[in-house]
Amino acid sequence: MTKTPAGFKRLNADIPEELFKELAKRCIEEGVSKKEFLVQLLEKKLFKDSKK
């Protein structure tokens, strides 16, 4: 098991296969890793309201 860097939390979730395939497809299209894509998505969704 890998050690999570300081200041980070590990995200572990079971998701439906269809959603995972869509995630992988979008990561390939955008040329980013799954981790980078998820961080961008979470930042966009969680922090968009706080910037208003």
N, C-alpha and C. Protein backbone atom coordinates (compact mmCIF):
# COMPACT_ATOMS: atom_id res chain seq x y z
N MET A 1 0.84 -1.18 0.00
CA MET A 1 0.00 0.00 0.00
C MET A 1 0.89 1.24 0.00
N THR A 2 0.55 2.20 -0.82
CA THR A 2 1.34 3.41 -0.92
C THR A 2 1.02 4.37 0.21
N LYS A 3 2.03 5.17 0.57
CA LYS A 3 1.83 6.15 1.62
C LYS A 3 1.29 7.43 1.00
N THR A 4 0.26 7.98 1.60
CA THR A 4 -0.34 9.23 1.14
C THR A 4 0.54 10.39 1.60
N PRO A 5 0.92 11.31 0.68
CA PRO A 5 1.76 12.45 1.07
C PRO A 5 1.09 13.33 2.13
N ALA A 6 1.91 14.03 2.88
CA ALA A 6 1.39 14.95 3.90
C ALA A 6 0.51 16.00 3.23
N GLY A 7 -0.61 16.32 3.86
CA GLY A 7 -1.53 17.32 3.31
C GLY A 7 -2.54 16.74 2.34
N PHE A 8 -2.50 15.44 2.12
CA PHE A 8 -3.44 14.78 1.21
C PHE A 8 -4.22 13.71 1.96
N LYS A 9 -5.40 13.41 1.47
CA LYS A 9 -6.21 12.32 2.00
C LYS A 9 -6.48 11.33 0.88
N ARG A 10 -6.52 10.06 1.20
CA ARG A 10 -6.78 9.02 0.21
C ARG A 10 -8.28 8.94 -0.05
N LEU A 11 -8.64 8.86 -1.33
CA LEU A 11 -10.03 8.73 -1.74
C LEU A 11 -10.24 7.32 -2.26
N ASN A 12 -11.13 6.58 -1.64
CA ASN A 12 -11.37 5.21 -2.03
C ASN A 12 -12.89 5.01 -2.13
N ALA A 13 -13.34 4.64 -3.32
CA ALA A 13 -14.78 4.47 -3.50
C ALA A 13 -15.07 3.41 -4.55
N ASP A 14 -16.14 2.68 -4.37
CA ASP A 14 -16.61 1.74 -5.38
C ASP A 14 -17.59 2.49 -6.26
N ILE A 15 -17.32 2.50 -7.56
CA ILE A 15 -18.21 3.18 -8.49
C ILE A 15 -18.65 2.19 -9.56
N PRO A 16 -19.82 2.42 -10.15
CA PRO A 16 -20.31 1.53 -11.20
C PRO A 16 -19.32 1.48 -12.38
N GLU A 17 -19.23 0.32 -13.00
CA GLU A 17 -18.29 0.12 -14.10
C GLU A 17 -18.50 1.11 -15.24
N GLU A 18 -19.75 1.42 -15.55
CA GLU A 18 -20.04 2.35 -16.65
C GLU A 18 -19.47 3.75 -16.36
N LEU A 19 -19.59 4.21 -15.11
CA LEU A 19 -19.03 5.51 -14.74
C LEU A 19 -17.50 5.49 -14.81
N PHE A 20 -16.90 4.38 -14.39
CA PHE A 20 -15.45 4.27 -14.45
C PHE A 20 -14.96 4.31 -15.89
N LYS A 21 -15.67 3.64 -16.79
CA LYS A 21 -15.30 3.65 -18.20
C LYS A 21 -15.40 5.06 -18.77
N GLU A 22 -16.43 5.82 -18.38
CA GLU A 22 -16.58 7.19 -18.84
C GLU A 22 -15.45 8.05 -18.29
N LEU A 23 -15.08 7.85 -17.04
CA LEU A 23 -13.96 8.57 -16.45
C LEU A 23 -12.68 8.29 -17.23
N ALA A 24 -12.40 7.03 -17.51
CA ALA A 24 -11.20 6.66 -18.25
C ALA A 24 -11.20 7.28 -19.64
N LYS A 25 -12.34 7.26 -20.30
CA LYS A 25 -12.47 7.84 -21.65
C LYS A 25 -12.15 9.33 -21.63
N ARG A 26 -12.72 10.05 -20.68
CA ARG A 26 -12.49 11.50 -20.59
C ARG A 26 -11.04 11.81 -20.24
N CYS A 27 -10.43 10.99 -19.40
CA CYS A 27 -9.02 11.20 -19.06
C CYS A 27 -8.14 11.04 -20.29
N ILE A 28 -8.42 10.04 -21.11
CA ILE A 28 -7.67 9.83 -22.34
C ILE A 28 -7.87 11.00 -23.29
N GLU A 29 -9.12 11.44 -23.44
CA GLU A 29 -9.42 12.55 -24.33
C GLU A 29 -8.70 13.83 -23.92
N GLU A 30 -8.61 14.09 -22.62
CA GLU A 30 -8.00 15.31 -22.12
C GLU A 30 -6.51 15.15 -21.85
N GLY A 31 -6.01 13.93 -21.94
CA GLY A 31 -4.58 13.68 -21.73
C GLY A 31 -4.10 13.89 -20.31
N VAL A 32 -4.96 13.55 -19.34
CA VAL A 32 -4.59 13.71 -17.92
C VAL A 32 -4.78 12.38 -17.20
N SER A 33 -4.17 12.26 -16.04
CA SER A 33 -4.35 11.05 -15.23
C SER A 33 -5.71 11.10 -14.55
N LYS A 34 -6.15 9.96 -14.07
CA LYS A 34 -7.43 9.91 -13.36
C LYS A 34 -7.38 10.80 -12.12
N LYS A 35 -6.25 10.80 -11.43
CA LYS A 35 -6.09 11.64 -10.23
C LYS A 35 -6.23 13.11 -10.60
N GLU A 36 -5.53 13.55 -11.62
CA GLU A 36 -5.60 14.96 -12.04
C GLU A 36 -7.02 15.33 -12.44
N PHE A 37 -7.68 14.45 -13.19
CA PHE A 37 -9.04 14.72 -13.65
C PHE A 37 -9.98 14.86 -12.46
N LEU A 38 -9.88 13.95 -11.50
CA LEU A 38 -10.76 13.99 -10.33
C LEU A 38 -10.51 15.24 -9.48
N VAL A 39 -9.25 15.63 -9.33
CA VAL A 39 -8.93 16.83 -8.56
C VAL A 39 -9.55 18.05 -9.24
N GLN A 40 -9.39 18.15 -10.58
CA GLN A 40 -9.97 19.27 -11.33
C GLN A 40 -11.49 19.29 -11.19
N LEU A 41 -12.11 18.13 -11.32
CA LEU A 41 -13.57 18.03 -11.22
C LEU A 41 -14.06 18.44 -9.84
N LEU A 42 -13.40 17.93 -8.80
CA LEU A 42 -13.81 18.27 -7.44
C LEU A 42 -13.62 19.75 -7.15
N GLU A 43 -12.49 20.30 -7.59
CA GLU A 43 -12.26 21.73 -7.37
C GLU A 43 -13.33 22.56 -8.07
N LYS A 44 -13.64 22.19 -9.29
CA LYS A 44 -14.64 22.93 -10.06
C LYS A 44 -16.01 22.85 -9.39
N LYS A 45 -16.41 21.66 -8.99
CA LYS A 45 -17.73 21.47 -8.41
C LYS A 45 -17.84 22.01 -6.98
N LEU A 46 -16.80 21.85 -6.19
CA LEU A 46 -16.88 22.22 -4.78
C LEU A 46 -16.57 23.69 -4.53
N PHE A 47 -15.69 24.28 -5.33
CA PHE A 47 -15.26 25.63 -5.06
C PHE A 47 -15.91 26.68 -5.95
N LYS A 48 -16.68 26.28 -6.95
CA LYS A 48 -17.31 27.26 -7.83
C LYS A 48 -18.30 28.14 -7.06
N ASP A 49 -19.03 27.56 -6.12
CA ASP A 49 -20.00 28.32 -5.33
C ASP A 49 -19.31 29.27 -4.35
N SER A 50 -18.15 28.89 -3.83
CA SER A 50 -17.48 29.73 -2.84
C SER A 50 -16.82 30.94 -3.48
N LYS A 51 -16.62 30.94 -4.80
CA LYS A 51 -15.99 32.06 -5.48
C LYS A 51 -16.98 33.17 -5.82
N LYS A 52 -18.26 32.91 -5.67
CA LYS A 52 -19.30 33.91 -5.99
C LYS A 52 -19.39 34.96 -4.91
